[in-house]
Amino acid sequence: MSARAAYEDIDEWLWSPSPIEYLLSVWLLAFVFSVLLLLALVSIVGGARYSLVTVVMTAVGSATGVAIGLFAGREAIQ
């Protein structure tokens, strides 16, 4: 395998993810962003009323919604 062929394989793998890879990566990114945003909001408002379970479950819900929406949009465009 030449260096050019190896580069093209890696380039295709990086920029053309399978639908499940795309869905999982978008979900993970949205989850991390949601947790950070929710923790910041809880620290501003006052964390006595909120538990970590509430923050994580809210982040799971919002990340799932974002991932499904972006995945559906990607599939509709293609």
C-alpha atoms as a PDB file:
ATOM      1  CA  MET A   1       0.000   0.000   0.000  1.00  0.00           C
ATOM      2  CA  SER A   2       1.394   3.333  -0.997  1.00  0.00           C
ATOM      3  CA  ALA A   3       1.479   6.344   1.245  1.00  0.00           C
ATOM      4  CA  ARG A   4      -1.090   8.054  -0.979  1.00  0.00           C
ATOM      5  CA  ALA A   5      -3.536   5.152  -0.670  1.00  0.00           C
ATOM      6  CA  ALA A   6      -3.060   5.057   3.091  1.00  0.00           C
ATOM      7  CA  TYR A   7      -3.688   8.804   3.284  1.00  0.00           C
ATOM      8  CA  GLU A   8      -6.873   8.467   1.217  1.00  0.00           C
ATOM      9  CA  ASP A   9      -8.126   5.646   3.453  1.00  0.00           C
ATOM     10  CA  ILE A  10      -7.512   7.688   6.599  1.00  0.00           C
ATOM     11  CA  ASP A  11      -9.033  10.786   4.997  1.00  0.00           C
ATOM     12  CA  GLU A  12     -12.156   8.864   3.996  1.00  0.00           C
ATOM     13  CA  TRP A  13     -12.479   7.354   7.478  1.00  0.00           C
ATOM     14  CA  LEU A  14     -12.128  10.752   9.182  1.00  0.00           C
ATOM     15  CA  TRP A  15     -14.433  12.750   6.940  1.00  0.00           C
ATOM     16  CA  SER A  16     -17.007  10.104   5.999  1.00  0.00           C
ATOM     17  CA  PRO A  17     -18.134   8.522   9.260  1.00  0.00           C
ATOM     18  CA  SER A  18     -20.756   5.827   9.239  1.00  0.00           C
ATOM     19  CA  PRO A  19     -24.173   6.876  10.523  1.00  0.00           C
ATOM     20  CA  ILE A  20     -23.614   5.202  13.904  1.00  0.00           C
ATOM     21  CA  GLU A  21     -20.187   6.837  14.330  1.00  0.00           C
ATOM     22  CA  TYR A  22     -21.713  10.200  13.507  1.00  0.00           C
ATOM     23  CA  LEU A  23     -24.614   9.681  15.916  1.00  0.00           C
ATOM     24  CA  LEU A  24     -22.348   8.589  18.773  1.00  0.00           C
ATOM     25  CA  SER A  25     -19.837  11.389  18.287  1.00  0.00           C
ATOM     26  CA  VAL A  26     -22.563  14.044  18.136  1.00  0.00           C
ATOM     27  CA  TRP A  27     -24.245  12.562  21.214  1.00  0.00           C
ATOM     28  CA  LEU A  28     -20.994  12.519  23.191  1.00  0.00           C
ATOM     29  CA  LEU A  29     -20.152  16.093  22.238  1.00  0.00           C
ATOM     30  CA  ALA A  30     -23.656  17.308  23.130  1.00  0.00           C
ATOM     31  CA  PHE A  31     -23.565  15.389  26.424  1.00  0.00           C
ATOM     32  CA  VAL A  32     -20.254  16.911  27.520  1.00  0.00           C
ATOM     33  CA  PHE A  33     -21.401  20.391  26.527  1.00  0.00           C
ATOM     34  CA  SER A  34     -24.722  19.922  28.357  1.00  0.00           C
ATOM     35  CA  VAL A  35     -23.045  18.722  31.557  1.00  0.00           C
ATOM     36  CA  LEU A  36     -20.641  21.663  31.558  1.00  0.00           C
ATOM     37  CA  LEU A  37     -23.421  24.143  30.860  1.00  0.00           C
ATOM     38  CA  LEU A  38     -25.709  22.672  33.514  1.00  0.00           C
ATOM     39  CA  LEU A  39     -22.951  22.599  36.124  1.00  0.00           C
ATOM     40  CA  ALA A  40     -22.204  26.242  35.397  1.00  0.00           C
ATOM     41  CA  LEU A  41     -25.881  27.140  35.747  1.00  0.00           C
ATOM     42  CA  VAL A  42     -26.214  25.163  38.975  1.00  0.00           C
ATOM     43  CA  SER A  43     -23.186  26.901  40.461  1.00  0.00           C
ATOM     44  CA  ILE A  44     -24.618  30.306  39.528  1.00  0.00           C
ATOM     45  CA  VAL A  45     -28.150  29.612  40.794  1.00  0.00           C
ATOM     46  CA  GLY A  46     -27.085  27.704  43.873  1.00  0.00           C
ATOM     47  CA  GLY A  47     -26.437  23.999  43.929  1.00  0.00           C
ATOM     48  CA  ALA A  48     -28.295  23.137  47.133  1.00  0.00           C
ATOM     49  CA  ARG A  49     -31.496  22.275  45.284  1.00  0.00           C
ATOM     50  CA  TYR A  50     -29.892  20.283  42.463  1.00  0.00           C
ATOM     51  CA  SER A  51     -28.150  16.943  42.596  1.00  0.00           C
ATOM     52  CA  LEU A  52     -25.568  15.503  40.237  1.00  0.00           C
ATOM     53  CA  VAL A  53     -28.107  12.884  39.134  1.00  0.00           C
ATOM     54  CA  THR A  54     -30.456  15.660  38.022  1.00  0.00           C
ATOM     55  CA  VAL A  55     -27.676  17.325  36.051  1.00  0.00           C
ATOM     56  CA  VAL A  56     -26.599  14.079  34.369  1.00  0.00           C
ATOM     57  CA  MET A  57     -30.133  12.974  33.497  1.00  0.00           C
ATOM     58  CA  THR A  58     -30.971  16.390  32.062  1.00  0.00           C
ATOM     59  CA  ALA A  59     -27.771  16.267  30.020  1.00  0.00           C
ATOM     60  CA  VAL A  60     -28.642  12.784  28.739  1.00  0.00           C
ATOM     61  CA  GLY A  61     -32.035  14.019  27.589  1.00  0.00           C
ATOM     62  CA  SER A  62     -30.753  17.128  25.894  1.00  0.00           C
ATOM     63  CA  ALA A  63     -27.834  15.300  24.267  1.00  0.00           C
ATOM     64  CA  THR A  64     -30.202  12.658  22.924  1.00  0.00           C
ATOM     65  CA  GLY A  65     -32.468  15.324  21.453  1.00  0.00           C
ATOM     66  CA  VAL A  66     -29.573  17.173  19.842  1.00  0.00           C
ATOM     67  CA  ALA A  67     -28.064  13.975  18.429  1.00  0.00           C
ATOM     68  CA  ILE A  68     -31.369  12.770  16.974  1.00  0.00           C
ATOM     69  CA  GLY A  69     -32.055  16.177  15.437  1.00  0.00           C
ATOM     70  CA  LEU A  70     -28.613  16.505  13.856  1.00  0.00           C
ATOM     71  CA  PHE A  71     -28.648  12.890  12.679  1.00  0.00           C
ATOM     72  CA  ALA A  72     -32.071  13.320  11.072  1.00  0.00           C
ATOM     73  CA  GLY A  73     -30.918  16.524   9.418  1.00  0.00           C
ATOM     74  CA  ARG A  74     -27.776  14.856   8.087  1.00  0.00           C
ATOM     75  CA  GLU A  75     -29.760  11.941   6.684  1.00  0.00           C
ATOM     76  CA  ALA A  76     -32.334  14.275   5.120  1.00  0.00           C
ATOM     77  CA  ILE A  77     -29.604  16.241   3.348  1.00  0.00           C
ATOM     78  CA  GLN A  78     -27.920  13.139   1.925  1.00  0.00           C
END
